Amino acid sequence: MPRFRLLTAGLLTCTALALIAWRGLPSPQAEPPSSGLFAQKWARGGVILLVRHMERCDRSEAPCLGDTEGITARAGQLATQLGSTITRLGLAATDIYSSPSLRTAQTADLMFGKPIVRQDWLLACSDDDFAEQILSHKAADRNMVLVTHSECFDRLRENLKASDADTPEYGSTLVLYDRRDPQLNIAGKVETDEWLELLDNPNAS
C-alpha cells in the first residue's frame, strides 16, 4: 500500500507540473502568424490588421508630439517606421481606417504619410459584435488596416471566444484572416519589432 500511495503521489505531481508548463506556453494567437500563409492571404486581399495606437502622451513623461491627448514624439517616429514596413506589403488593394481619437489619428497619419479616413465605430467598440462590424466594412478581395484602441482588441477576443488577458503593447498588431467559418480567424499578433522578420521570410511555414 505505501508503494502504491507513493506511485500515485508521483503521478499527481507529474500531472500538476505538466499542467503548469502547458499553461505557461504562449497562445498561438499571441505569436506572429506563419510568414508564408500571411503572404498568400495578403496577396488575395484576405487580411485584416488591427493596430493599437502608439504611446499615449497623457500617460507618459516623454515629450508630446502635440496635444497631450495625442501620442509622444518618440512614438511618432515608431509609427512612421511601422507604416513604412507595412507599406512594403503593397497597399494597392488595402483600405485603411482610424478611430477619430487624436492618438489613433496621429498614429495612422504618420504610419501612412497622409490623412486616414476616420471611423466612429473604431472609437469605443461598444457594439456587442465588433467582429461583425469589421466584416461589414471589409470589401471583398481587399485587405484592411484598422488603427484603434486596446478596448477593441478585448471586444474582438470576446466575440471570437479567444482567451488572452494581456493588454496589447502600443503599436501591437492583431492579424486576422477573413474566413467566414468561423467569421474571423485570429492568425497571430505582431509586435513592432517583429514585422521585419515576418516580411523577410515569406517562404517560412
C-alpha atoms as a PDB file:
ATOM      1  CA  MET A   1       0.000   0.000   0.000  1.00  0.00           C
ATOM      2  CA  PRO A   2       2.724   2.597   0.835  1.00  0.00           C
ATOM      3  CA  ARG A   3       4.368   1.917  -2.548  1.00  0.00           C
ATOM      4  CA  PHE A   4       1.017   2.413  -4.311  1.00  0.00           C
ATOM      5  CA  ARG A   5       0.460   5.697  -2.465  1.00  0.00           C
ATOM      6  CA  LEU A   6       3.956   6.852  -3.396  1.00  0.00           C
ATOM      7  CA  LEU A   7       3.348   5.980  -7.058  1.00  0.00           C
ATOM      8  CA  THR A   8       0.001   7.803  -7.025  1.00  0.00           C
ATOM      9  CA  ALA A   9       1.553  10.877  -5.433  1.00  0.00           C
ATOM     10  CA  GLY A  10       4.313  10.837  -8.050  1.00  0.00           C
ATOM     11  CA  LEU A  11       1.819  10.651 -10.909  1.00  0.00           C
ATOM     12  CA  LEU A  12      -0.234  13.514  -9.465  1.00  0.00           C
ATOM     13  CA  THR A  13       2.887  15.645  -9.086  1.00  0.00           C
ATOM     14  CA  CYS A  14       3.940  14.981 -12.685  1.00  0.00           C
ATOM     15  CA  THR A  15       0.438  15.796 -13.923  1.00  0.00           C
ATOM     16  CA  ALA A  16       0.385  19.061 -11.977  1.00  0.00           C
ATOM     17  CA  LEU A  17       3.797  20.066 -13.317  1.00  0.00           C
ATOM     18  CA  ALA A  18       2.714  19.240 -16.863  1.00  0.00           C
ATOM     19  CA  LEU A  19      -0.397  21.409 -16.491  1.00  0.00           C
ATOM     20  CA  ILE A  20       1.655  24.301 -15.142  1.00  0.00           C
ATOM     21  CA  ALA A  21       4.090  24.012 -18.044  1.00  0.00           C
ATOM     22  CA  TRP A  22       1.230  23.790 -20.569  1.00  0.00           C
ATOM     23  CA  ARG A  23      -0.478  26.880 -19.143  1.00  0.00           C
ATOM     24  CA  GLY A  24       2.819  28.715 -19.298  1.00  0.00           C
ATOM     25  CA  LEU A  25       3.173  28.176 -23.037  1.00  0.00           C
ATOM     26  CA  PRO A  26       2.282  31.184 -25.195  1.00  0.00           C
ATOM     27  CA  SER A  27      -1.039  31.028 -27.016  1.00  0.00           C
ATOM     28  CA  PRO A  28      -0.616  30.604 -30.798  1.00  0.00           C
ATOM     29  CA  GLN A  29      -2.727  33.752 -31.081  1.00  0.00           C
ATOM     30  CA  ALA A  30      -0.039  35.683 -29.172  1.00  0.00           C
ATOM     31  CA  GLU A  31       2.701  34.705 -31.633  1.00  0.00           C
ATOM     32  CA  PRO A  32       3.358  36.079 -35.148  1.00  0.00           C
ATOM     33  CA  PRO A  33       1.471  34.199 -37.885  1.00  0.00           C
ATOM     34  CA  SER A  34       3.065  31.900 -40.418  1.00  0.00           C
ATOM     35  CA  SER A  35       5.006  34.104 -42.850  1.00  0.00           C
ATOM     36  CA  GLY A  36       4.150  32.019 -45.905  1.00  0.00           C
ATOM     37  CA  LEU A  37       0.409  31.873 -45.254  1.00  0.00           C
ATOM     38  CA  PHE A  38       0.350  35.554 -44.326  1.00  0.00           C
ATOM     39  CA  ALA A  39       1.942  36.487 -47.668  1.00  0.00           C
ATOM     40  CA  GLN A  40      -0.592  34.337 -49.554  1.00  0.00           C
ATOM     41  CA  LYS A  41      -3.566  35.828 -47.693  1.00  0.00           C
ATOM     42  CA  TRP A  42      -2.313  39.376 -48.221  1.00  0.00           C
ATOM     43  CA  ALA A  43      -1.861  38.806 -51.941  1.00  0.00           C
ATOM     44  CA  ARG A  44      -5.510  37.654 -52.112  1.00  0.00           C
ATOM     45  CA  GLY A  45      -6.899  40.550 -50.074  1.00  0.00           C
ATOM     46  CA  GLY A  46      -7.873  38.343 -47.148  1.00  0.00           C
ATOM     47  CA  VAL A  47      -6.049  40.062 -44.246  1.00  0.00           C
ATOM     48  CA  ILE A  48      -7.254  42.463 -41.564  1.00  0.00           C
ATOM     49  CA  LEU A  49      -4.702  44.221 -39.357  1.00  0.00           C
ATOM     50  CA  LEU A  50      -5.948  45.609 -36.049  1.00  0.00           C
ATOM     51  CA  VAL A  51      -3.269  48.063 -34.870  1.00  0.00           C
ATOM     52  CA  ARG A  52      -3.176  49.653 -31.432  1.00  0.00           C
ATOM     53  CA  HIS A  53      -2.199  53.324 -31.403  1.00  0.00           C
ATOM     54  CA  MET A  54       1.301  54.335 -30.302  1.00  0.00           C
ATOM     55  CA  GLU A  55       2.315  55.595 -26.848  1.00  0.00           C
ATOM     56  CA  ARG A  56      -0.208  57.938 -25.213  1.00  0.00           C
ATOM     57  CA  CYS A  57       1.281  61.252 -24.137  1.00  0.00           C
ATOM     58  CA  ASP A  58      -1.094  61.711 -21.201  1.00  0.00           C
ATOM     59  CA  ARG A  59       0.292  58.534 -19.649  1.00  0.00           C
ATOM     60  CA  SER A  60       3.963  59.221 -20.295  1.00  0.00           C
ATOM     61  CA  GLU A  61       6.632  61.657 -19.140  1.00  0.00           C
ATOM     62  CA  ALA A  62       8.073  61.811 -22.668  1.00  0.00           C
ATOM     63  CA  PRO A  63       7.568  64.978 -24.747  1.00  0.00           C
ATOM     64  CA  CYS A  64       4.286  65.144 -26.648  1.00  0.00           C
ATOM     65  CA  LEU A  65       4.056  65.220 -30.422  1.00  0.00           C
ATOM     66  CA  GLY A  66       1.468  67.983 -29.990  1.00  0.00           C
ATOM     67  CA  ASP A  67      -1.611  67.986 -27.793  1.00  0.00           C
ATOM     68  CA  THR A  68      -1.450  65.857 -24.634  1.00  0.00           C
ATOM     69  CA  GLU A  69      -4.415  63.830 -25.942  1.00  0.00           C
ATOM     70  CA  GLY A  70      -2.169  62.534 -28.728  1.00  0.00           C
ATOM     71  CA  ILE A  71       0.972  60.414 -28.782  1.00  0.00           C
ATOM     72  CA  THR A  72       4.550  61.146 -27.727  1.00  0.00           C
ATOM     73  CA  ALA A  73       7.167  62.463 -30.121  1.00  0.00           C
ATOM     74  CA  ARG A  74       9.205  59.268 -29.858  1.00  0.00           C
ATOM     75  CA  ALA A  75       6.057  57.264 -30.622  1.00  0.00           C
ATOM     76  CA  GLY A  76       5.594  59.315 -33.765  1.00  0.00           C
ATOM     77  CA  GLN A  77       8.915  58.065 -35.089  1.00  0.00           C
ATOM     78  CA  LEU A  78       7.914  54.475 -34.329  1.00  0.00           C
ATOM     79  CA  ALA A  79       4.600  54.982 -36.121  1.00  0.00           C
ATOM     80  CA  THR A  80       6.417  56.169 -39.241  1.00  0.00           C
ATOM     81  CA  GLN A  81       8.749  53.163 -39.125  1.00  0.00           C
ATOM     82  CA  LEU A  82       5.868  50.726 -38.629  1.00  0.00           C
ATOM     83  CA  GLY A  83       3.931  52.213 -41.509  1.00  0.00           C
ATOM     84  CA  SER A  84       6.942  52.066 -43.810  1.00  0.00           C
ATOM     85  CA  THR A  85       7.354  48.387 -43.009  1.00  0.00           C
ATOM     86  CA  ILE A  86       3.684  47.531 -43.603  1.00  0.00           C
ATOM     87  CA  THR A  87       3.733  49.564 -46.827  1.00  0.00           C
ATOM     88  CA  ARG A  88       6.302  47.110 -48.171  1.00  0.00           C
ATOM     89  CA  LEU A  89       3.457  44.596 -48.415  1.00  0.00           C
ATOM     90  CA  GLY A  90       1.803  46.745 -51.089  1.00  0.00           C
ATOM     91  CA  LEU A  91      -1.281  48.828 -50.350  1.00  0.00           C
ATOM     92  CA  ALA A  92      -2.957  48.982 -53.770  1.00  0.00           C
ATOM     93  CA  ALA A  93      -5.720  46.640 -52.552  1.00  0.00           C
ATOM     94  CA  THR A  94      -5.877  47.866 -48.966  1.00  0.00           C
ATOM     95  CA  ASP A  95      -8.427  50.049 -47.144  1.00  0.00           C
ATOM     96  CA  ILE A  96      -7.117  51.932 -44.106  1.00  0.00           C
ATOM     97  CA  TYR A  97      -9.303  53.365 -41.336  1.00  0.00           C
ATOM     98  CA  SER A  98      -8.638  55.034 -37.994  1.00  0.00           C
ATOM     99  CA  SER A  99     -10.588  55.824 -34.876  1.00  0.00           C
ATOM    100  CA  PRO A 100     -11.272  59.595 -34.688  1.00  0.00           C
ATOM    101  CA  SER A 101      -9.380  59.866 -31.381  1.00  0.00           C
ATOM    102  CA  LEU A 102      -6.311  62.130 -31.678  1.00  0.00           C
ATOM    103  CA  ARG A 103      -3.866  59.399 -30.606  1.00  0.00           C
ATOM    104  CA  THR A 104      -5.142  56.952 -33.221  1.00  0.00           C
ATOM    105  CA  ALA A 105      -5.418  59.634 -35.898  1.00  0.00           C
ATOM    106  CA  GLN A 106      -1.834  60.754 -35.316  1.00  0.00           C
ATOM    107  CA  THR A 107      -0.630  57.155 -35.363  1.00  0.00           C
ATOM    108  CA  ALA A 108      -2.444  56.305 -38.602  1.00  0.00           C
ATOM    109  CA  ASP A 109      -1.498  59.510 -40.442  1.00  0.00           C
ATOM    110  CA  LEU A 110       2.167  59.121 -39.539  1.00  0.00           C
ATOM    111  CA  MET A 111       2.152  55.435 -40.465  1.00  0.00           C
ATOM    112  CA  PHE A 112       0.981  56.095 -43.998  1.00  0.00           C
ATOM    113  CA  GLY A 113       2.105  59.674 -44.571  1.00  0.00           C
ATOM    114  CA  LYS A 114      -1.355  61.060 -45.296  1.00  0.00           C
ATOM    115  CA  PRO A 115      -4.705  61.734 -43.602  1.00  0.00           C
ATOM    116  CA  ILE A 116      -6.502  58.459 -42.974  1.00  0.00           C
ATOM    117  CA  VAL A 117     -10.304  58.093 -43.047  1.00  0.00           C
ATOM    118  CA  ARG A 118     -11.804  58.255 -39.534  1.00  0.00           C
ATOM    119  CA  GLN A 119     -14.463  55.771 -38.457  1.00  0.00           C
ATOM    120  CA  ASP A 120     -16.540  56.335 -35.311  1.00  0.00           C
ATOM    121  CA  TRP A 121     -17.169  52.607 -34.852  1.00  0.00           C
ATOM    122  CA  LEU A 122     -13.447  52.148 -34.124  1.00  0.00           C
ATOM    123  CA  LEU A 123     -13.508  54.529 -31.164  1.00  0.00           C
ATOM    124  CA  ALA A 124     -15.461  52.843 -28.388  1.00  0.00           C
ATOM    125  CA  CYS A 125     -16.012  49.377 -29.862  1.00  0.00           C
ATOM    126  CA  SER A 126     -19.200  49.350 -27.825  1.00  0.00           C
ATOM    127  CA  ASP A 127     -21.145  47.238 -30.297  1.00  0.00           C
ATOM    128  CA  ASP A 128     -21.772  43.753 -28.950  1.00  0.00           C
ATOM    129  CA  ASP A 129     -20.445  42.161 -32.146  1.00  0.00           C
ATOM    130  CA  PHE A 130     -17.312  44.047 -33.106  1.00  0.00           C
ATOM    131  CA  ALA A 131     -16.219  41.126 -35.279  1.00  0.00           C
ATOM    132  CA  GLU A 132     -19.346  41.513 -37.400  1.00  0.00           C
ATOM    133  CA  GLN A 133     -18.741  45.252 -37.677  1.00  0.00           C
ATOM    134  CA  ILE A 134     -15.273  44.568 -39.034  1.00  0.00           C
ATOM    135  CA  LEU A 135     -16.629  42.187 -41.647  1.00  0.00           C
ATOM    136  CA  SER A 136     -19.382  44.601 -42.646  1.00  0.00           C
ATOM    137  CA  HIS A 137     -16.740  47.218 -43.508  1.00  0.00           C
ATOM    138  CA  LYS A 138     -14.382  44.867 -45.327  1.00  0.00           C
ATOM    139  CA  ALA A 139     -14.550  44.828 -49.097  1.00  0.00           C
ATOM    140  CA  ALA A 140     -14.111  41.516 -50.898  1.00  0.00           C
ATOM    141  CA  ASP A 141     -10.580  40.764 -52.072  1.00  0.00           C
ATOM    142  CA  ARG A 142      -9.172  43.817 -50.274  1.00  0.00           C
ATOM    143  CA  ASN A 143      -7.045  43.924 -47.153  1.00  0.00           C
ATOM    144  CA  MET A 144      -7.967  46.254 -44.310  1.00  0.00           C
ATOM    145  CA  VAL A 145      -5.874  48.109 -41.701  1.00  0.00           C
ATOM    146  CA  LEU A 146      -7.691  49.422 -38.616  1.00  0.00           C
ATOM    147  CA  VAL A 147      -5.854  51.747 -36.208  1.00  0.00           C
ATOM    148  CA  THR A 148      -7.738  51.625 -32.939  1.00  0.00           C
ATOM    149  CA  HIS A 149      -7.656  51.050 -29.165  1.00  0.00           C
ATOM    150  CA  SER A 150      -6.855  48.225 -26.751  1.00  0.00           C
ATOM    151  CA  GLU A 151     -10.550  48.012 -25.807  1.00  0.00           C
ATOM    152  CA  CYS A 152     -11.292  46.953 -29.373  1.00  0.00           C
ATOM    153  CA  PHE A 153      -8.767  44.126 -29.079  1.00  0.00           C
ATOM    154  CA  ASP A 154     -10.580  42.976 -25.929  1.00  0.00           C
ATOM    155  CA  ARG A 155     -14.042  43.173 -27.503  1.00  0.00           C
ATOM    156  CA  LEU A 156     -12.942  41.255 -30.580  1.00  0.00           C
ATOM    157  CA  ARG A 157     -11.437  38.474 -28.493  1.00  0.00           C
ATOM    158  CA  GLU A 158     -14.693  38.285 -26.538  1.00  0.00           C
ATOM    159  CA  ASN A 159     -16.645  37.971 -29.774  1.00  0.00           C
ATOM    160  CA  LEU A 160     -14.367  35.220 -31.063  1.00  0.00           C
ATOM    161  CA  LYS A 161     -14.054  33.493 -27.661  1.00  0.00           C
ATOM    162  CA  ALA A 162     -10.277  33.863 -27.806  1.00  0.00           C
ATOM    163  CA  SER A 163      -8.604  33.961 -24.407  1.00  0.00           C
ATOM    164  CA  ASP A 164      -5.780  36.476 -23.967  1.00  0.00           C
ATOM    165  CA  ALA A 165      -5.856  38.642 -20.863  1.00  0.00           C
ATOM    166  CA  ASP A 166      -2.783  40.674 -21.766  1.00  0.00           C
ATOM    167  CA  THR A 167      -3.255  44.298 -22.761  1.00  0.00           C
ATOM    168  CA  PRO A 168      -1.629  44.773 -26.190  1.00  0.00           C
ATOM    169  CA  GLU A 169       1.521  46.890 -26.303  1.00  0.00           C
ATOM    170  CA  TYR A 170       1.498  50.221 -28.093  1.00  0.00           C
ATOM    171  CA  GLY A 171       1.784  49.526 -31.818  1.00  0.00           C
ATOM    172  CA  SER A 172       0.834  45.842 -31.449  1.00  0.00           C
ATOM    173  CA  THR A 173      -0.975  44.359 -34.433  1.00  0.00           C
ATOM    174  CA  LEU A 174      -3.572  41.606 -34.300  1.00  0.00           C
ATOM    175  CA  VAL A 175      -3.581  39.692 -37.594  1.00  0.00           C
ATOM    176  CA  LEU A 176      -6.949  38.378 -38.767  1.00  0.00           C
ATOM    177  CA  TYR A 177      -7.965  36.299 -41.766  1.00  0.00           C
ATOM    178  CA  ASP A 178     -11.489  36.867 -43.082  1.00  0.00           C
ATOM    179  CA  ARG A 179     -12.581  33.265 -43.244  1.00  0.00           C
ATOM    180  CA  ARG A 180     -16.367  33.108 -42.915  1.00  0.00           C
ATOM    181  CA  ASP A 181     -16.409  29.865 -40.955  1.00  0.00           C
ATOM    182  CA  PRO A 182     -15.676  30.954 -38.288  1.00  0.00           C
ATOM    183  CA  GLN A 183     -16.437  34.579 -39.089  1.00  0.00           C
ATOM    184  CA  LEU A 184     -12.887  35.717 -38.409  1.00  0.00           C
ATOM    185  CA  ASN A 185      -9.734  33.816 -37.645  1.00  0.00           C
ATOM    186  CA  ILE A 186      -7.061  35.289 -35.368  1.00  0.00           C
ATOM    187  CA  ALA A 187      -3.824  34.244 -37.048  1.00  0.00           C
ATOM    188  CA  GLY A 188      -1.480  35.823 -34.520  1.00  0.00           C
ATOM    189  CA  LYS A 189      -0.091  39.022 -33.061  1.00  0.00           C
ATOM    190  CA  VAL A 190       2.891  41.021 -34.325  1.00  0.00           C
ATOM    191  CA  GLU A 191       4.837  43.458 -32.157  1.00  0.00           C
ATOM    192  CA  THR A 192       6.577  46.441 -33.744  1.00  0.00           C
ATOM    193  CA  ASP A 193       9.987  44.736 -33.641  1.00  0.00           C
ATOM    194  CA  GLU A 194       8.701  41.518 -35.269  1.00  0.00           C
ATOM    195  CA  TRP A 195       7.418  42.918 -38.566  1.00  0.00           C
ATOM    196  CA  LEU A 196      10.706  42.810 -40.461  1.00  0.00           C
ATOM    197  CA  GLU A 197      11.197  39.131 -39.676  1.00  0.00           C
ATOM    198  CA  LEU A 198       7.641  38.357 -40.811  1.00  0.00           C
ATOM    199  CA  LEU A 199       8.134  40.195 -44.098  1.00  0.00           C
ATOM    200  CA  ASP A 200      11.649  38.947 -44.785  1.00  0.00           C
ATOM    201  CA  ASN A 201      10.666  35.276 -44.515  1.00  0.00           C
ATOM    202  CA  PRO A 202       7.730  34.900 -46.942  1.00  0.00           C
ATOM    203  CA  ASN A 203       8.549  31.240 -47.617  1.00  0.00           C
ATOM    204  CA  ALA A 204       8.515  30.215 -43.964  1.00  0.00           C
ATOM    205  CA  SER A 205       5.771  27.792 -42.962  1.00  0.00           C
END
